[in-house]
Each structure stands twice: as C-alpha cells, then as structure tokens.
C-alpha cells in the first residue's frame, strides 16, 4: 500500500511562493510517474505537473508553465512542487498522486492509483 503525505500549503499573497512536498515511506518510485493535481471549489480536479521519477523529466499544464517546477529527491523519497509568481487563480487544494509507468497518460487524473490527502493553497489578491 502506497501512502502519500503532502505538506507545505498555506496562505500567500499574489506574487509570492510556496513549496509543496509529497513523501512516502516504504515505497520507491523508480517505475512511477508522480503527479500534482489541484481542485478549486466547484471545479473538477485538474492536472498541474508530473515527473517521471527515473528520468527526472517534468511535464506541466499550460497555466503553470514557467512559474511552477516539479522535482524529486530520491534519497528522501520526496517529490516537490515549487510554486512561484502565485496568482489568486492558483487557489485550490493540491494533491500528490502516483501511478506506475505504462498505466495511462501522465496528465489523466484517472490514471493515478494512489493519492495523498491534499493540502490547501490560498493566494490572496
């Protein structure tokens, strides 16, 4: 059983930065995609960013390109989402997720089997 635990959310002013973390114990992710998704009130959960753990290559949704960076620390078994130049429209609950390679495309919510509990990010104007 893979358990993911997010941290790092909070309240920040527009233009500010936050770094989200997602960690797991007892599981290595060499054959996984790790993703970040978000869900704003009244909206569907949407793809934000993903990383292929073995290669370290990141993929991003258009609204966050150039502002967010996904990375991973293999030694700590942790994936990060560095969020810069935050905007009020980035306000949402952010979820970390994991899926094995070859089980669906990285930006598709339904492809991910394992999910964290979510962390709230609020950006004030």
Protein backbone atom coordinates (compact mmCIF):
# COMPACT_ATOMS: atom_id res chain seq x y z
CA UNK A 1 0.00 0.00 0.00
CA UNK A 2 1.43 3.34 -1.08
CA UNK A 3 0.75 6.22 1.28
CA UNK A 4 1.44 9.76 0.16
CA UNK A 5 1.63 12.68 2.56
CA UNK A 6 1.59 16.28 1.32
CA UNK A 7 2.78 19.32 3.20
CA UNK A 8 3.68 22.93 2.55
CA UNK A 9 0.36 24.53 1.73
CA UNK A 10 -0.77 27.80 3.22
CA UNK A 11 -1.83 31.37 2.62
CA UNK A 12 0.32 33.63 0.46
CA UNK A 13 -0.10 36.93 -1.30
CA UNK A 14 -0.21 37.15 -5.06
CA UNK A 15 3.30 37.10 -6.48
CA UNK A 16 4.59 35.01 -3.61
CA UNK A 17 5.97 31.49 -3.50
CA UNK A 18 5.28 28.18 -1.81
CA UNK A 19 6.90 24.77 -1.98
CA UNK A 20 4.78 21.69 -1.62
CA UNK A 21 6.25 18.37 -0.58
CA UNK A 22 4.96 14.84 -1.02
CA UNK A 23 6.64 11.98 0.75
CA UNK A 24 6.10 8.28 1.13
CA UNK A 25 7.66 5.69 3.38
CA UNK A 26 8.40 2.14 2.40
CA UNK A 27 7.95 2.70 -1.31
CA UNK A 28 10.42 3.53 -4.07
CA UNK A 29 9.18 5.21 -7.21
CA UNK A 30 11.69 4.27 -9.88
CA UNK A 31 8.94 2.91 -12.12
CA UNK A 32 6.41 5.63 -11.37
CA UNK A 33 5.06 8.90 -12.57
CA UNK A 34 4.43 11.29 -9.70
CA UNK A 35 1.86 13.98 -10.32
CA UNK A 36 0.45 17.11 -8.75
CA UNK A 37 -3.19 17.94 -9.30
CA UNK A 38 -5.44 20.65 -7.89
CA UNK A 39 -9.10 21.18 -7.28
CA UNK A 40 -10.72 24.54 -6.76
CA UNK A 41 -14.20 24.87 -5.22
CA UNK A 42 -16.87 23.93 -7.72
CA UNK A 43 -14.36 22.74 -10.30
CA UNK A 44 -13.03 19.39 -11.40
CA UNK A 45 -9.64 18.16 -10.33
CA UNK A 46 -7.05 19.19 -12.88
CA UNK A 47 -3.51 18.28 -13.83
CA UNK A 48 -0.76 20.63 -12.69
CA UNK A 49 2.58 18.85 -13.17
CA UNK A 50 4.13 15.41 -13.31
CA UNK A 51 7.56 13.90 -13.21
CA UNK A 52 8.95 10.64 -14.48
CA UNK A 53 10.85 9.55 -11.41
CA UNK A 54 13.62 7.60 -13.12
CA UNK A 55 14.42 10.32 -15.66
CA UNK A 56 13.57 13.39 -13.58
CA UNK A 57 11.83 14.99 -16.53
CA UNK A 58 8.86 17.24 -15.75
CA UNK A 59 5.63 17.96 -17.55
CA UNK A 60 3.39 20.96 -16.91
CA UNK A 61 -0.07 22.25 -17.56
CA UNK A 62 -0.09 25.43 -19.62
CA UNK A 63 -1.38 27.72 -16.81
CA UNK A 64 1.64 26.94 -14.63
CA UNK A 65 4.44 26.68 -17.17
CA UNK A 66 7.32 28.97 -16.30
CA UNK A 67 6.02 29.50 -12.75
CA UNK A 68 5.94 26.01 -11.20
CA UNK A 69 8.73 23.46 -11.05
CA UNK A 70 8.37 19.80 -10.15
CA UNK A 71 11.36 17.90 -8.82
CA UNK A 72 12.20 14.83 -6.78
CA UNK A 73 14.76 13.81 -4.21
CA UNK A 74 15.40 10.09 -4.49
CA UNK A 75 17.31 9.93 -1.22
CA UNK A 76 14.33 11.38 0.64
CA UNK A 77 11.71 9.65 -1.49
CA UNK A 78 10.02 13.01 -1.86
CA UNK A 79 8.59 14.97 -4.74
CA UNK A 80 8.32 18.75 -4.64
CA UNK A 81 6.29 21.42 -6.36
CA UNK A 82 7.94 24.83 -6.25
CA UNK A 83 5.32 27.45 -7.00
CA UNK A 84 6.45 30.97 -7.86
CA UNK A 85 4.60 34.07 -9.01
CA UNK A 86 1.42 32.72 -7.50
CA UNK A 87 -1.92 34.08 -8.66
CA UNK A 88 -5.33 34.09 -6.97
CA UNK A 89 -6.50 31.58 -9.61
CA UNK A 90 -3.94 29.11 -8.24
CA UNK A 91 -6.04 28.82 -5.09
CA UNK A 92 -7.07 25.17 -4.67
CA UNK A 93 -6.48 22.00 -2.75
CA UNK A 94 -3.34 20.43 -4.18
CA UNK A 95 -2.99 16.67 -4.34
CA UNK A 96 0.01 14.46 -4.86
CA UNK A 97 -0.55 11.26 -6.81
CA UNK A 98 1.39 8.25 -8.06
CA UNK A 99 0.95 5.80 -10.88
CA UNK A 100 3.12 3.10 -12.35
CA UNK A 101 4.61 3.60 -15.78
CA UNK A 102 2.53 2.33 -18.65
CA UNK A 103 -0.82 2.69 -16.87
CA UNK A 104 -2.17 5.71 -18.66
CA UNK A 105 -1.03 9.14 -19.62
CA UNK A 106 0.59 11.35 -17.01
CA UNK A 107 -1.97 14.17 -17.19
CA UNK A 108 -5.05 11.99 -16.82
CA UNK A 109 -6.50 12.02 -13.30
CA UNK A 110 -8.00 8.56 -13.68
CA UNK A 111 -4.61 7.00 -14.44
CA UNK A 112 -3.34 7.61 -10.91
CA UNK A 113 -3.96 4.91 -8.36
CA UNK A 114 -2.51 6.48 -5.23
CA UNK A 115 -3.44 9.88 -3.81
CA UNK A 116 -2.48 12.00 -0.86
CA UNK A 117 -4.96 13.74 1.39
CA UNK A 118 -4.43 17.17 -0.17
CA UNK A 119 -3.05 20.46 1.08
CA UNK A 120 -4.77 23.83 0.79
CA UNK A 121 -3.10 26.65 -1.11
CA UNK A 122 -4.74 30.06 -0.87
CA UNK A 123 -3.44 33.03 -2.81
CA UNK A 124 -4.81 36.43 -1.80
CA UNK A 125 -5.01 39.37 -4.18
